[in-house]
Amino acid sequence: ETFLELLAPLGDTVAVLLASSHEEAGVREYSREGVERLVLESLLWDFEDLLLHDGRTGIAILHPQQSLEVQFDEHKLLVVYAQARQPFERILRGHGLDRDDRLRFLSQGEHMHTSHARHARQFEQLVRRLGCG
């Protein structure tokens, strides 16, 4: 819910970038521009299991003209890139997530990404249903 609410400040039409490391060849990326945000949100609910539980899938939603981006990466970190962060901070606070500048974490240390064959299949279905190329 939080991720989807963070998409609202991006506007009615967005660009989508999907990333997968399901194959040994490395990360594959798929993108599509001109996606109606409400249609995207509905579609993403259908792939909630994939987005929340697959350690090899990430997604980024971008504003088509401005430097605004919301990511939910393979580490399950929510990342927002924006000059004006107030709308995003308001949404996060509404979900009980207050800013804490003392919080530190490592995201690039030695680690493994877990997945399942069903997640690889779900990712391919998401790519097809979204019409990414």
Protein backbone atom coordinates (compact mmCIF):
# COMPACT_ATOMS: atom_id res chain seq x y z
CA GLU A 1 0.00 0.00 0.00
CA THR A 2 2.75 2.44 0.91
CA PHE A 3 4.58 1.91 -2.38
CA LEU A 4 1.42 2.46 -4.40
CA GLU A 5 0.51 5.60 -2.47
CA LEU A 6 3.99 6.98 -3.14
CA LEU A 7 3.18 6.85 -6.86
CA ALA A 8 0.43 9.48 -6.63
CA PRO A 9 2.81 12.51 -6.69
CA LEU A 10 4.23 11.19 -9.99
CA GLY A 11 1.06 12.14 -11.86
CA ASP A 12 -1.51 10.32 -13.95
CA THR A 13 0.90 8.93 -16.56
CA VAL A 14 4.23 7.35 -15.64
CA ALA A 15 7.17 5.39 -17.01
CA VAL A 16 7.98 1.95 -15.60
CA LEU A 17 11.30 0.14 -15.31
CA LEU A 18 11.29 -3.53 -14.27
CA ALA A 19 14.51 -5.29 -13.31
CA SER A 20 15.16 -9.01 -12.88
CA SER A 21 18.23 -11.03 -11.95
CA HIS A 22 16.52 -14.40 -12.32
CA GLU A 23 18.95 -15.50 -15.02
CA GLU A 24 22.64 -16.17 -14.51
CA ALA A 25 23.50 -13.69 -17.29
CA GLY A 26 22.86 -10.78 -14.93
CA VAL A 27 20.21 -8.12 -14.56
CA ARG A 28 17.65 -7.71 -17.33
CA GLU A 29 15.68 -4.50 -17.55
CA TYR A 30 12.38 -3.81 -19.26
CA SER A 31 10.74 -0.43 -19.63
CA ARG A 32 7.59 1.20 -20.85
CA GLU A 33 6.56 4.83 -21.02
CA GLY A 34 3.08 6.31 -21.07
CA VAL A 35 1.48 3.97 -18.54
CA GLU A 36 -1.69 5.18 -16.85
CA ARG A 37 -0.83 5.18 -13.14
CA LEU A 38 -4.19 3.83 -11.95
CA VAL A 39 -4.00 0.93 -14.42
CA LEU A 40 -0.45 0.23 -13.25
CA GLU A 41 -1.51 0.24 -9.59
CA SER A 42 -4.28 -2.24 -10.33
CA LEU A 43 -1.87 -4.50 -12.21
CA LEU A 44 0.71 -4.37 -9.42
CA TRP A 45 -1.84 -5.64 -6.90
CA ASP A 46 -2.05 -8.78 -9.06
CA PHE A 47 1.71 -9.24 -8.59
CA GLU A 48 1.91 -8.42 -4.89
CA ASP A 49 3.53 -11.78 -4.04
CA LEU A 50 6.28 -11.24 -6.61
CA LEU A 51 7.02 -7.68 -5.53
CA LEU A 52 7.05 -8.40 -1.81
CA HIS A 53 8.74 -11.80 -1.68
CA ASP A 54 11.10 -12.15 -4.64
CA GLY A 55 14.69 -11.12 -3.99
CA ARG A 56 15.43 -10.89 -7.70
CA THR A 57 12.74 -8.42 -8.80
CA GLY A 58 12.82 -4.65 -8.60
CA ILE A 59 10.63 -1.90 -10.00
CA ALA A 60 11.02 1.83 -10.53
CA ILE A 61 8.25 4.25 -11.47
CA LEU A 62 9.25 7.59 -12.98
CA HIS A 63 7.57 10.85 -13.85
CA PRO A 64 7.82 11.26 -17.65
CA GLN A 65 9.25 14.81 -17.61
CA GLN A 66 10.42 15.66 -14.09
CA SER A 67 13.18 14.16 -11.96
CA LEU A 68 10.83 12.14 -9.78
CA GLU A 69 11.28 8.43 -9.17
CA VAL A 70 9.97 5.84 -6.73
CA GLN A 71 11.78 2.50 -6.50
CA PHE A 72 10.98 -0.74 -4.74
CA ASP A 73 14.17 -2.66 -5.31
CA GLU A 74 15.19 -6.29 -4.98
CA HIS A 75 16.27 -5.62 -1.37
CA LYS A 76 12.69 -4.48 -0.68
CA LEU A 77 13.88 -0.95 0.03
CA LEU A 78 11.63 1.97 -0.87
CA VAL A 79 13.69 4.72 -2.46
CA VAL A 80 12.35 8.11 -3.53
CA TYR A 81 14.30 10.53 -5.71
CA ALA A 82 12.82 14.04 -5.80
CA GLN A 83 13.85 17.66 -5.30
CA ALA A 84 10.66 18.37 -3.33
CA ARG A 85 10.20 15.42 -0.98
CA GLN A 86 7.35 16.85 1.12
CA PRO A 87 4.50 14.96 -0.63
CA PHE A 88 6.40 11.69 -0.24
CA GLU A 89 7.34 12.37 3.38
CA ARG A 90 3.69 13.13 4.16
CA ILE A 91 2.65 9.75 2.73
CA LEU A 92 5.34 7.91 4.69
CA ARG A 93 4.37 9.64 7.93
CA GLY A 94 0.76 8.69 7.24
CA HIS A 95 1.93 5.07 7.32
CA GLY A 96 3.76 5.57 10.61
CA LEU A 97 7.20 5.86 9.01
CA ASP A 98 8.94 8.85 10.53
CA ARG A 99 12.29 10.16 9.37
CA ASP A 100 15.25 9.00 11.47
CA ASP A 101 18.59 10.39 10.33
CA ARG A 102 20.38 8.17 12.87
CA LEU A 103 19.26 5.01 11.10
CA ARG A 104 22.09 3.39 9.13
CA PHE A 105 22.06 0.23 7.06
CA LEU A 106 24.23 -1.65 4.60
CA SER A 107 22.71 -2.62 1.30
CA GLN A 108 25.82 -3.48 -0.70
CA GLY A 109 27.53 -5.91 1.69
CA GLU A 110 27.95 -9.61 0.96
CA HIS A 111 24.48 -11.10 0.61
CA MET A 112 22.32 -13.48 -1.40
CA HIS A 113 19.08 -12.87 -3.26
CA THR A 114 16.48 -15.57 -2.85
CA SER A 115 13.86 -16.46 -5.38
CA HIS A 116 11.68 -19.31 -6.56
CA ALA A 117 10.86 -20.63 -10.03
CA ARG A 118 7.28 -19.35 -9.65
CA HIS A 119 8.66 -15.83 -9.15
CA ALA A 120 10.60 -16.02 -12.42
CA ARG A 121 7.37 -17.06 -14.17
CA GLN A 122 5.41 -14.29 -12.44
CA PHE A 123 8.02 -11.74 -13.51
CA GLU A 124 7.66 -12.79 -17.15
CA GLN A 125 3.86 -12.51 -16.82
CA LEU A 126 4.23 -9.00 -15.38
CA VAL A 127 6.50 -7.98 -18.28
CA ARG A 128 3.94 -9.28 -20.80
CA ARG A 129 0.89 -7.77 -19.10
CA LEU A 130 2.60 -4.42 -18.78
CA GLY A 131 3.73 -4.54 -22.39
CA CYS A 132 7.36 -3.79 -21.58
CA GLY A 133 10.02 -4.18 -24.21
